């Protein structure tokens, strides 16, 4: 299984969108400072959204979409109740 996920930093409310085959391990890496360049400078990441895919190409395509303008709009609509807290 391949996962596309969205993390929110609990300190500054910034977001990170990523791809992995092991969701739990990857989130742990982000919080331990072993994530990507973007997330290694911060701690306190919380998963707020993920999708699972059987095909790697589909997951990578979805990650690319979510990182773009239309994908951000999609996430804002999909998570509107979360953001209204």
C-alpha atoms as a PDB file:
ATOM      1  CA  UNK A   1       0.000   0.000   0.000  1.00  0.00           C
ATOM      2  CA  UNK A   2       1.190   3.521  -0.810  1.00  0.00           C
ATOM      3  CA  UNK A   3       0.078   6.518   1.206  1.00  0.00           C
ATOM      4  CA  UNK A   4      -0.217  10.218   0.515  1.00  0.00           C
ATOM      5  CA  UNK A   5      -0.505  12.201   3.724  1.00  0.00           C
ATOM      6  CA  UNK A   6      -0.876  15.708   5.091  1.00  0.00           C
ATOM      7  CA  UNK A   7       0.832  16.755   8.310  1.00  0.00           C
ATOM      8  CA  UNK A   8       0.163  19.891  10.303  1.00  0.00           C
ATOM      9  CA  UNK A   9       2.792  21.400  12.557  1.00  0.00           C
ATOM     10  CA  UNK A  10       1.220  21.992  15.967  1.00  0.00           C
ATOM     11  CA  UNK A  11       3.489  24.953  16.719  1.00  0.00           C
ATOM     12  CA  UNK A  12       3.012  27.189  13.669  1.00  0.00           C
ATOM     13  CA  UNK A  13       0.120  25.433  11.826  1.00  0.00           C
ATOM     14  CA  UNK A  14       2.197  24.922   8.663  1.00  0.00           C
ATOM     15  CA  UNK A  15       1.490  21.908   6.429  1.00  0.00           C
ATOM     16  CA  UNK A  16       3.519  19.209   4.767  1.00  0.00           C
ATOM     17  CA  UNK A  17       2.298  16.835   2.055  1.00  0.00           C
ATOM     18  CA  UNK A  18       4.225  13.612   1.538  1.00  0.00           C
ATOM     19  CA  UNK A  19       4.273  10.056   0.209  1.00  0.00           C
ATOM     20  CA  UNK A  20       5.321   6.797   1.920  1.00  0.00           C
ATOM     21  CA  UNK A  21       4.786   3.059   2.099  1.00  0.00           C
ATOM     22  CA  UNK A  22       4.903   2.996   5.929  1.00  0.00           C
ATOM     23  CA  UNK A  23       2.771   5.792   7.369  1.00  0.00           C
ATOM     24  CA  UNK A  24       3.511   5.240  11.072  1.00  0.00           C
ATOM     25  CA  UNK A  25       7.257   5.025  10.542  1.00  0.00           C
ATOM     26  CA  UNK A  26       7.308   8.115   8.344  1.00  0.00           C
ATOM     27  CA  UNK A  27       5.377  10.270  10.827  1.00  0.00           C
ATOM     28  CA  UNK A  28       7.728   9.118  13.578  1.00  0.00           C
ATOM     29  CA  UNK A  29      10.688  10.107  11.392  1.00  0.00           C
ATOM     30  CA  UNK A  30       9.220  13.559  10.823  1.00  0.00           C
ATOM     31  CA  UNK A  31       8.749  14.094  14.551  1.00  0.00           C
ATOM     32  CA  UNK A  32      12.264  12.835  15.325  1.00  0.00           C
ATOM     33  CA  UNK A  33      13.828  15.319  12.911  1.00  0.00           C
ATOM     34  CA  UNK A  34      14.647  12.611  10.358  1.00  0.00           C
ATOM     35  CA  UNK A  35      12.047  13.665   7.814  1.00  0.00           C
ATOM     36  CA  UNK A  36      12.604  15.671   4.688  1.00  0.00           C
ATOM     37  CA  UNK A  37      14.396  18.984   4.544  1.00  0.00           C
ATOM     38  CA  UNK A  38      11.127  20.854   5.123  1.00  0.00           C
ATOM     39  CA  UNK A  39      10.068  18.939   8.235  1.00  0.00           C
ATOM     40  CA  UNK A  40      13.418  18.207   9.861  1.00  0.00           C
ATOM     41  CA  UNK A  41      13.662  21.774  11.181  1.00  0.00           C
ATOM     42  CA  UNK A  42      10.419  21.444  13.157  1.00  0.00           C
ATOM     43  CA  UNK A  43       8.860  18.957  15.538  1.00  0.00           C
ATOM     44  CA  UNK A  44       5.301  18.308  16.733  1.00  0.00           C
ATOM     45  CA  UNK A  45       3.810  17.097  13.453  1.00  0.00           C
ATOM     46  CA  UNK A  46       0.282  15.653  13.508  1.00  0.00           C
ATOM     47  CA  UNK A  47      -1.341  13.719  10.685  1.00  0.00           C
ATOM     48  CA  UNK A  48      -4.595  15.331   9.612  1.00  0.00           C
ATOM     49  CA  UNK A  49      -5.331  13.506   6.341  1.00  0.00           C
ATOM     50  CA  UNK A  50      -4.190  10.496   4.331  1.00  0.00           C
ATOM     51  CA  UNK A  51      -5.198   8.423   1.333  1.00  0.00           C
ATOM     52  CA  UNK A  52      -4.125   4.876   0.439  1.00  0.00           C
ATOM     53  CA  UNK A  53      -3.290   3.608  -3.066  1.00  0.00           C
ATOM     54  CA  UNK A  54      -2.455   0.201  -4.480  1.00  0.00           C
ATOM     55  CA  UNK A  55      -0.354   1.672  -7.289  1.00  0.00           C
ATOM     56  CA  UNK A  56       2.770   3.757  -6.666  1.00  0.00           C
ATOM     57  CA  UNK A  57       2.237   5.907  -9.757  1.00  0.00           C
ATOM     58  CA  UNK A  58      -1.283   6.797  -8.643  1.00  0.00           C
ATOM     59  CA  UNK A  59      -0.025   7.832  -5.206  1.00  0.00           C
ATOM     60  CA  UNK A  60       2.800   9.952  -6.608  1.00  0.00           C
ATOM     61  CA  UNK A  61       0.372  11.623  -9.019  1.00  0.00           C
ATOM     62  CA  UNK A  62      -1.987  12.410  -6.165  1.00  0.00           C
ATOM     63  CA  UNK A  63       0.836  13.837  -4.054  1.00  0.00           C
ATOM     64  CA  UNK A  64       1.830  16.110  -6.936  1.00  0.00           C
ATOM     65  CA  UNK A  65      -1.788  17.224  -7.376  1.00  0.00           C
ATOM     66  CA  UNK A  66      -2.260  18.008  -3.669  1.00  0.00           C
ATOM     67  CA  UNK A  67       0.901  20.122  -3.643  1.00  0.00           C
ATOM     68  CA  UNK A  68      -0.493  22.334  -6.423  1.00  0.00           C
ATOM     69  CA  UNK A  69      -3.089  25.099  -6.315  1.00  0.00           C
ATOM     70  CA  UNK A  70      -6.101  22.946  -7.198  1.00  0.00           C
ATOM     71  CA  UNK A  71      -4.989  20.319  -4.691  1.00  0.00           C
ATOM     72  CA  UNK A  72      -4.724  22.904  -1.925  1.00  0.00           C
ATOM     73  CA  UNK A  73      -8.262  24.055  -2.725  1.00  0.00           C
ATOM     74  CA  UNK A  74      -9.413  20.431  -2.600  1.00  0.00           C
ATOM     75  CA  UNK A  75      -7.814  19.932   0.830  1.00  0.00           C
ATOM     76  CA  UNK A  76      -9.326  23.147   2.159  1.00  0.00           C
ATOM     77  CA  UNK A  77     -12.759  21.954   1.055  1.00  0.00           C
ATOM     78  CA  UNK A  78     -12.216  18.395   2.293  1.00  0.00           C
ATOM     79  CA  UNK A  79     -10.961  19.540   5.705  1.00  0.00           C
ATOM     80  CA  UNK A  80     -13.186  22.593   6.188  1.00  0.00           C
ATOM     81  CA  UNK A  81     -14.590  21.280   9.480  1.00  0.00           C
ATOM     82  CA  UNK A  82     -11.098  20.626  10.808  1.00  0.00           C
ATOM     83  CA  UNK A  83      -9.988  24.145   9.884  1.00  0.00           C
ATOM     84  CA  UNK A  84     -13.043  25.735  11.510  1.00  0.00           C
ATOM     85  CA  UNK A  85     -11.906  24.734  15.037  1.00  0.00           C
END
